Amino acid sequence: MTHRPPSGLAVVSAALLAMSRHLEMRDVLKTIVASARELLDAEYAALGVPDDHGGFAQFVVDGVSDEQWKAIGPLPRQHGILAAMLHEAKPQRLADVRQDPRFEGWPDAHPDMSDFLGLPIQDGDETIGALFLANKRCPRPTGGCGFTEEDEELLGILAQHAAIALTNARLYERSRELTIAEERSRLAHELHDAVSQKLFSLRLTAQAAAALVDRDPARAKGELQQVATLAGEAVDELRAAVVELRPAALDEDGLVATLRTQVQVLDRAHTARVTFESAGVRALPSAQEEAMLRVAQEALHNALRHSGAGRVTVTLGREAASVVLRITDDGRGFDTQVIRSAGRHLGLVSMRHRAGSVGGRLAVESEPGEGTTIRMEVPCG
């Protein structure tokens, strides 16, 4: 067996490092497919994750343009070679896939493929995905083309690491689902503690005004003014809760646009002035963007509901090899020496955990009467 040059080993190393950097399932799938295609110098590569209904929950391709992919149509079903890959759980290396008896044809817009190499991705005995490559681009020195036994071995190494990456991504998604459930529970408590109590106070004040309207009209007028104030505060609380419940459009709009939109909504919903500034920030990995968004939401929640701030500023920018998020308010502030006791109430433990989970850091600057600044920093390429 011939040995690959060092550049081949460098490609393998780069592929494994790239897979280890991502947690989001879609990012992991794209990285695996692109790495496999580059490693084996194939024209096309794909990775399918099966569902429980005879199809694929996700199917990612590399080497096919977006226009071609749209023209091909719906996700493929588990039939032919694809089914063999998932159900027989063994490699498939073919000189011409079109000549295989299991071949069932392609949609009209599908690119033409000949030589084929596919490997299952397994977690123990469970097949959690399958890698497909087609059309080896580099002819062998002896002439001809096609995937070799050495290619199969290399793809096998990649598939083993892909299994670890996919398993980690699935665990991350489950962890995030639990986090979302925890946040919904937190919001439910806040709605009860804030909005429900204000509505209860509003009801009692309205009853008092009704009792006073005949014997003490002036005092009744004062009570009705208080009713208006409480109603306005309840509306602010409800609007803020709706903003937090609304799903953030990170996938479509990115962090900068999503933060800008949420700040604009909060600025309209609260009496405090809320502004946003950003410069020099490009797209970040999805896990980092989500962590920064959630930290911003928590910090804004604290500033607008607990600090008594009249102005809150959100900034996002580059500093050296990092992206830095700052949320600054001119509220009442607090003593950072007693931050441990205040930390849970202000969500600081959660914010620090989010920052640390994506390789970032969180800092809190505050003094009584001097406002507060929450600073989150994450590394960027």
Protein backbone atom coordinates (compact mmCIF):
# COMPACT_ATOMS: atom_id res chain seq x y z
CA MET A 1 0.00 0.00 0.00
CA THR A 2 1.38 3.39 -0.97
CA HIS A 3 1.78 6.09 1.66
CA ARG A 4 0.10 9.46 1.37
CA PRO A 5 2.33 12.53 1.48
CA PRO A 6 2.44 14.63 4.65
CA SER A 7 -0.10 17.02 3.13
CA GLY A 8 -2.65 14.20 3.34
CA LEU A 9 -1.97 13.81 7.05
CA ALA A 10 -2.36 17.55 7.44
CA VAL A 11 -5.79 17.35 5.80
CA VAL A 12 -6.82 14.54 8.17
CA SER A 13 -5.63 16.55 11.18
CA ALA A 14 -7.43 19.69 9.98
CA ALA A 15 -10.62 17.70 9.42
CA LEU A 16 -10.60 16.22 12.93
CA LEU A 17 -9.86 19.60 14.52
CA ALA A 18 -12.65 21.25 12.53
CA MET A 19 -15.18 18.65 13.69
CA SER A 20 -14.20 19.15 17.33
CA ARG A 21 -14.85 22.92 17.16
CA HIS A 22 -18.58 22.70 16.50
CA LEU A 23 -21.53 21.75 18.69
CA GLU A 24 -24.54 22.64 16.52
CA MET A 25 -25.73 19.57 14.58
CA ARG A 26 -25.97 21.37 11.24
CA ASP A 27 -22.46 22.82 11.61
CA VAL A 28 -21.07 19.40 12.50
CA LEU A 29 -22.71 17.76 9.47
CA LYS A 30 -21.40 20.42 7.07
CA THR A 31 -17.89 20.13 8.50
CA ILE A 32 -17.84 16.33 8.19
CA VAL A 33 -19.05 16.42 4.57
CA ALA A 34 -16.64 19.14 3.49
CA SER A 35 -13.75 17.38 5.26
CA ALA A 36 -14.53 14.02 3.65
CA ARG A 37 -14.75 15.53 0.18
CA GLU A 38 -11.43 17.37 0.57
CA LEU A 39 -9.68 14.42 2.18
CA LEU A 40 -10.53 11.99 -0.62
CA ASP A 41 -10.54 14.57 -3.43
CA ALA A 42 -14.06 13.69 -4.53
CA GLU A 43 -16.33 15.77 -6.73
CA TYR A 44 -19.37 15.14 -4.53
CA ALA A 45 -19.99 14.26 -0.89
CA ALA A 46 -23.10 13.84 1.24
CA LEU A 47 -24.07 12.79 4.74
CA GLY A 48 -27.48 11.50 5.75
CA VAL A 49 -28.90 11.20 9.27
CA PRO A 50 -31.82 8.73 9.27
CA ASP A 51 -35.21 9.35 10.81
CA ASP A 52 -37.61 6.68 12.08
CA HIS A 53 -39.93 6.83 9.07
CA GLY A 54 -37.90 5.52 6.15
CA GLY A 55 -36.33 8.86 5.25
CA PHE A 56 -33.63 11.21 6.43
CA ALA A 57 -33.98 13.66 9.29
CA GLN A 58 -31.10 15.64 7.76
CA PHE A 59 -29.17 15.30 4.52
CA VAL A 60 -26.19 17.58 3.82
CA VAL A 61 -24.31 17.77 0.51
CA ASP A 62 -21.05 19.34 -0.66
CA GLY A 63 -20.13 19.94 -4.31
CA VAL A 64 -23.72 20.65 -5.36
CA SER A 65 -24.83 24.27 -5.76
CA ASP A 66 -27.89 25.62 -3.96
CA GLU A 67 -29.69 25.93 -7.31
CA GLN A 68 -28.94 22.31 -8.20
CA TRP A 69 -30.06 21.12 -4.76
CA LYS A 70 -33.36 22.96 -5.02
CA ALA A 71 -33.95 21.51 -8.50
CA ILE A 72 -33.28 17.95 -7.28
CA GLY A 73 -36.33 18.14 -5.02
CA PRO A 74 -37.28 16.56 -1.67
CA LEU A 75 -34.84 14.73 0.60
CA PRO A 76 -34.04 11.22 -0.61
CA ARG A 77 -35.71 8.17 0.89
CA GLN A 78 -33.82 5.20 2.30
CA HIS A 79 -33.73 2.99 -0.75
CA GLY A 80 -31.12 1.46 -3.06
CA ILE A 81 -27.53 2.14 -2.08
CA LEU A 82 -28.67 4.56 0.64
CA ALA A 83 -30.69 1.83 2.32
CA ALA A 84 -27.80 -0.62 2.04
CA MET A 85 -25.52 1.86 3.78
CA LEU A 86 -27.90 2.31 6.72
CA HIS A 87 -29.23 -1.21 7.16
CA GLU A 88 -26.25 -3.42 6.29
CA ALA A 89 -23.80 -1.18 8.19
CA LYS A 90 -20.78 -1.98 6.03
CA PRO A 91 -18.69 -0.02 3.50
CA GLN A 92 -19.78 0.17 -0.13
CA ARG A 93 -17.05 0.81 -2.72
CA LEU A 94 -18.19 0.65 -6.34
CA ALA A 95 -16.45 1.30 -9.65
CA ASP A 96 -19.75 2.53 -11.12
CA VAL A 97 -22.80 2.95 -8.90
CA ARG A 98 -25.06 3.01 -11.97
CA GLN A 99 -24.19 -0.60 -12.72
CA ASP A 100 -25.08 -1.86 -9.25
CA PRO A 101 -28.33 -3.92 -9.18
CA ARG A 102 -29.54 -1.85 -6.22
CA PHE A 103 -29.30 1.39 -8.18
CA GLU A 104 -32.75 2.91 -8.75
CA GLY A 105 -31.95 6.06 -10.68
CA TRP A 106 -31.81 9.74 -9.81
CA PRO A 107 -34.08 12.75 -10.26
CA ASP A 108 -33.58 14.59 -13.57
CA ALA A 109 -31.61 17.46 -11.98
CA HIS A 110 -29.28 15.14 -10.07
CA PRO A 111 -25.61 15.33 -11.19
CA ASP A 112 -24.22 12.26 -12.93
CA MET A 113 -22.08 10.03 -10.71
CA SER A 114 -20.01 6.93 -11.36
CA ASP A 115 -17.41 5.69 -8.85
CA PHE A 116 -18.83 5.60 -5.34
CA LEU A 117 -17.64 5.14 -1.76
CA GLY A 118 -19.89 5.06 1.27
CA LEU A 119 -19.43 4.25 4.95
CA PRO A 120 -21.87 4.05 7.83
CA ILE A 121 -21.28 6.24 10.90
CA GLN A 122 -21.93 4.16 13.99
CA ASP A 123 -22.32 4.76 17.70
CA GLY A 124 -21.85 1.26 19.06
CA ASP A 125 -24.34 -0.90 17.18
CA GLU A 126 -26.52 2.06 16.16
CA THR A 127 -26.08 3.58 12.71
CA ILE A 128 -26.48 7.32 13.26
CA GLY A 129 -25.51 8.44 9.77
CA ALA A 130 -23.89 7.53 6.49
CA LEU A 131 -21.16 9.21 4.43
CA PHE A 132 -21.35 9.09 0.63
CA LEU A 133 -18.66 10.17 -1.85
CA ALA A 134 -18.75 10.07 -5.64
CA ASN A 135 -16.49 10.81 -8.61
CA LYS A 136 -12.88 10.61 -7.49
CA ARG A 137 -11.14 13.51 -9.24
CA CYS A 138 -7.47 12.51 -9.22
CA PRO A 139 -6.38 9.64 -11.51
CA ARG A 140 -4.01 7.09 -10.07
CA PRO A 141 -0.43 7.06 -11.39
CA THR A 142 -1.12 3.75 -13.14
CA GLY A 143 -4.06 5.28 -14.98
CA GLY A 144 -7.79 5.22 -14.40
CA CYS A 145 -9.68 6.59 -11.46
CA GLY A 146 -11.93 5.50 -8.64
CA PHE A 147 -11.73 5.11 -4.89
CA THR A 148 -9.06 2.84 -3.46
CA GLU A 149 -8.77 0.60 -0.43
CA GLU A 150 -6.60 3.29 1.13
CA ASP A 151 -9.41 5.82 0.55
CA GLU A 152 -11.79 3.47 2.33
CA GLU A 153 -9.45 3.18 5.31
CA LEU A 154 -9.05 6.96 5.54
CA LEU A 155 -12.80 7.50 5.34
CA GLY A 156 -13.20 4.87 8.05
CA ILE A 157 -10.96 6.91 10.38
CA LEU A 158 -12.96 10.04 9.58
CA ALA A 159 -16.24 8.17 10.18
CA GLN A 160 -15.10 7.06 13.64
CA HIS A 161 -14.40 10.66 14.65
CA ALA A 162 -17.59 11.80 12.93
CA ALA A 163 -19.51 9.42 15.22
CA ILE A 164 -18.03 11.16 18.27
CA ALA A 165 -18.81 14.60 16.83
CA LEU A 166 -22.40 13.64 15.97
CA THR A 167 -22.96 12.08 19.40
CA ASN A 168 -21.66 15.24 21.08
CA ALA A 169 -23.92 17.37 18.88
CA ARG A 170 -26.95 15.28 19.83
CA LEU A 171 -26.09 15.63 23.52
CA TYR A 172 -25.68 19.38 23.06
CA GLU A 173 -29.10 19.66 21.40
CA ARG A 174 -30.72 17.75 24.25
CA SER A 175 -28.94 19.98 26.76
CA ARG A 176 -30.18 23.06 24.92
CA GLU A 177 -33.74 21.71 24.95
CA LEU A 178 -33.48 21.39 28.73
CA THR A 179 -32.14 24.95 28.92
CA ILE A 180 -35.10 26.22 26.89
CA ALA A 181 -37.47 24.40 29.22
CA GLU A 182 -35.73 25.99 32.21
CA GLU A 183 -36.04 29.44 30.64
CA ARG A 184 -39.73 28.93 30.00
CA SER A 185 -40.15 27.93 33.63
CA ARG A 186 -38.27 31.08 34.70
CA LEU A 187 -40.53 33.22 32.53
CA ALA A 188 -43.61 31.57 34.00
CA HIS A 189 -42.40 32.43 37.51
CA GLU A 190 -41.66 35.99 36.47
CA LEU A 191 -45.08 36.40 34.91
CA HIS A 192 -46.63 35.18 38.13
CA ASP A 193 -44.42 37.29 40.39
CA ALA A 194 -44.53 40.50 38.36
CA VAL A 195 -47.62 40.68 36.16
CA SER A 196 -49.98 38.73 38.42
CA GLN A 197 -49.07 40.82 41.46
CA LYS A 198 -49.54 44.07 39.55
CA LEU A 199 -52.93 42.92 38.27
CA PHE A 200 -53.92 41.95 41.82
CA SER A 201 -52.88 45.41 43.07
CA LEU A 202 -54.75 47.01 40.18
CA ARG A 203 -57.92 45.13 41.11
CA LEU A 204 -57.71 46.17 44.79
CA THR A 205 -57.04 49.80 43.86
CA ALA A 206 -59.99 49.85 41.46
CA GLN A 207 -62.24 48.42 44.18
CA ALA A 208 -61.04 51.12 46.59
CA ALA A 209 -61.78 53.82 44.02
CA ALA A 210 -65.28 52.45 43.47
CA ALA A 211 -65.95 52.53 47.23
CA LEU A 212 -64.72 56.14 47.50
CA VAL A 213 -66.33 57.62 44.42
CA ASP A 214 -69.49 58.77 46.26
CA ARG A 215 -68.17 59.88 49.67
CA ASP A 216 -64.69 61.13 48.73
CA PRO A 217 -64.43 61.92 44.96
CA ALA A 218 -61.01 63.59 45.29
CA ARG A 219 -59.48 60.55 46.95
CA ALA A 220 -61.22 58.29 44.44
CA LYS A 221 -59.57 60.28 41.64
CA GLY A 222 -56.17 59.62 43.18
CA GLU A 223 -56.90 55.91 43.36
CA LEU A 224 -57.93 55.89 39.68
CA GLN A 225 -54.66 57.56 38.74
CA GLN A 226 -52.87 54.75 40.56
CA VAL A 227 -54.97 52.26 38.57
CA ALA A 228 -53.69 53.83 35.34
CA THR A 229 -50.09 53.64 36.58
CA LEU A 230 -50.39 49.96 37.58
CA ALA A 231 -52.06 49.10 34.28
CA GLY A 232 -49.20 50.71 32.38
CA GLU A 233 -46.61 48.78 34.40
CA ALA A 234 -48.48 45.52 33.79
CA VAL A 235 -48.50 46.22 30.05
CA ASP A 236 -44.72 46.83 30.13
CA GLU A 237 -44.16 43.52 31.95
CA LEU A 238 -46.30 41.62 29.44
CA ARG A 239 -44.55 43.20 26.46
CA ALA A 240 -41.15 42.34 27.89
CA ALA A 241 -42.24 38.74 28.49
CA VAL A 242 -43.49 38.47 24.90
CA VAL A 243 -40.13 39.69 23.62
CA GLU A 244 -38.33 36.95 25.60
CA LEU A 245 -40.77 34.26 24.46
CA ARG A 246 -40.53 35.24 20.81
CA PRO A 247 -38.03 32.90 19.07
CA ALA A 248 -34.90 34.74 18.02
CA ALA A 249 -34.19 34.65 14.27
CA LEU A 250 -30.50 33.90 14.67
CA ASP A 251 -30.37 31.33 11.86
CA GLU A 252 -31.92 33.71 9.34
CA ASP A 253 -30.80 37.15 10.53
CA GLY A 254 -27.63 36.62 12.56
CA LEU A 255 -26.65 38.08 15.93
CA VAL A 256 -26.33 41.75 14.99
CA ALA A 257 -29.74 42.04 13.30
CA THR A 258 -31.45 39.98 16.01
CA LEU A 259 -30.00 42.09 18.82
CA ARG A 260 -30.92 45.31 17.00
CA THR A 261 -34.53 44.15 16.57
CA GLN A 262 -34.90 43.08 20.18
CA VAL A 263 -33.42 46.35 21.46
CA GLN A 264 -35.83 48.33 19.29
CA VAL A 265 -38.79 46.40 20.70
CA LEU A 266 -37.60 46.89 24.29
CA ASP A 267 -37.04 50.60 23.66
CA ARG A 268 -40.69 50.93 22.61
CA ALA A 269 -41.98 48.76 25.46
CA HIS A 270 -40.18 50.52 28.35
CA THR A 271 -39.83 54.06 29.57
CA ALA A 272 -36.02 53.68 29.72
CA ARG A 273 -34.07 54.59 26.58
CA VAL A 274 -32.52 51.42 25.09
CA THR A 275 -29.97 51.71 22.26
CA PHE A 276 -27.75 49.36 20.25
CA GLU A 277 -24.42 49.94 18.48
CA SER A 278 -22.32 47.48 16.50
CA ALA A 279 -19.17 47.70 14.37
CA GLY A 280 -16.85 45.24 12.68
CA VAL A 281 -18.61 42.05 13.76
CA ARG A 282 -19.11 39.28 11.22
CA ALA A 283 -20.95 36.00 11.63
CA LEU A 284 -19.81 33.85 14.56
CA PRO A 285 -20.34 30.13 15.15
CA SER A 286 -24.00 29.54 15.97
CA ALA A 287 -23.26 28.37 19.54
CA GLN A 288 -21.39 31.62 20.29
CA GLU A 289 -24.15 33.75 18.75
CA GLU A 290 -26.83 32.02 20.81
CA ALA A 291 -24.82 32.38 24.03
CA MET A 292 -24.24 36.10 23.41
CA LEU A 293 -27.91 36.66 22.63
CA ARG A 294 -29.05 34.92 25.82
CA VAL A 295 -26.56 36.85 27.95
CA ALA A 296 -27.77 40.10 26.39
CA GLN A 297 -31.39 39.17 27.10
CA GLU A 298 -30.65 38.33 30.73
CA ALA A 299 -28.65 41.53 31.26
CA LEU A 300 -31.37 43.64 29.61
CA HIS A 301 -33.97 41.94 31.78
CA ASN A 302 -32.01 42.91 34.91
CA ALA A 303 -31.43 46.48 33.77
CA LEU A 304 -35.02 47.17 32.74
CA ARG A 305 -36.83 45.43 35.60
CA HIS A 306 -34.57 45.71 38.61
CA SER A 307 -32.07 48.56 38.24
CA GLY A 308 -34.37 51.56 37.81
CA ALA A 309 -32.23 52.65 34.84
CA GLY A 310 -33.23 55.55 32.62
CA ARG A 311 -30.80 54.53 29.87
CA VAL A 312 -29.44 51.16 28.74
CA THR A 313 -26.81 50.77 26.02
CA VAL A 314 -25.92 47.56 24.19
CA THR A 315 -22.70 47.48 22.16
CA LEU A 316 -21.12 44.69 20.11
CA GLY A 317 -17.66 45.07 18.60
CA ARG A 318 -14.25 43.60 17.81
CA GLU A 319 -11.32 43.94 20.19
CA ALA A 320 -8.12 42.28 18.94
CA ALA A 321 -9.02 38.60 18.39
CA SER A 322 -12.28 38.75 20.34
CA VAL A 323 -15.86 39.88 19.97
CA VAL A 324 -17.07 41.85 23.00
CA LEU A 325 -20.65 42.41 24.10
CA ARG A 326 -21.42 45.14 26.65
CA ILE A 327 -24.72 45.98 28.33
CA THR A 328 -24.41 49.19 30.36
CA ASP A 329 -27.12 50.87 32.43
CA ASP A 330 -27.27 54.00 34.61
CA GLY A 331 -29.36 52.32 37.30
CA ARG A 332 -28.85 51.96 41.00
CA GLY A 333 -26.03 49.40 40.70
CA PHE A 334 -24.88 47.11 43.52
CA ASP A 335 -21.83 46.15 45.55
CA THR A 336 -19.83 43.54 43.64
CA GLN A 337 -18.41 42.30 46.95
CA VAL A 338 -21.80 40.79 47.75
CA ILE A 339 -22.28 39.52 44.23
CA ARG A 340 -22.48 35.92 45.41
CA SER A 341 -25.73 36.57 47.23
CA ALA A 342 -27.11 38.68 44.39
CA GLY A 343 -25.77 36.44 41.65
CA ARG A 344 -28.57 33.92 41.51
CA HIS A 345 -31.27 36.62 41.63
CA LEU A 346 -29.64 38.53 38.78
CA GLY A 347 -28.96 35.44 36.66
CA LEU A 348 -25.20 36.01 36.81
CA VAL A 349 -24.46 32.33 37.42
CA SER A 350 -26.36 31.42 34.25
CA MET A 351 -24.63 34.16 32.24
CA ARG A 352 -21.19 33.02 33.37
CA HIS A 353 -22.05 29.43 32.47
CA ARG A 354 -23.20 30.48 29.00
CA ALA A 355 -20.02 32.46 28.38
CA GLY A 356 -17.79 29.64 29.58
CA SER A 357 -19.62 27.04 27.48
CA VAL A 358 -18.42 28.74 24.26
CA GLY A 359 -14.90 29.53 25.45
CA GLY A 360 -15.75 33.06 26.56
CA ARG A 361 -15.54 35.14 29.73
CA LEU A 362 -18.03 37.29 31.62
CA ALA A 363 -17.17 40.30 33.79
CA VAL A 364 -19.43 42.46 35.95
CA GLU A 365 -18.66 46.06 36.86
CA SER A 366 -20.99 47.85 39.29
CA GLU A 367 -21.10 50.17 42.29
CA PRO A 368 -24.08 51.38 44.30
CA GLY A 369 -25.52 54.44 42.56
CA GLU A 370 -23.12 54.11 39.60
CA GLY A 371 -24.95 51.71 37.30
CA THR A 372 -23.80 48.33 35.97
CA THR A 373 -21.86 46.99 32.98
CA ILE A 374 -22.01 43.35 31.91
CA ARG A 375 -19.14 42.44 29.60
CA MET A 376 -18.97 39.17 27.64
CA GLU A 377 -15.96 38.31 25.49
CA VAL A 378 -15.60 35.38 23.08
CA PRO A 379 -12.65 34.49 20.83
CA CYS A 380 -13.12 34.79 17.08
CA GLY A 381 -11.12 33.67 14.12
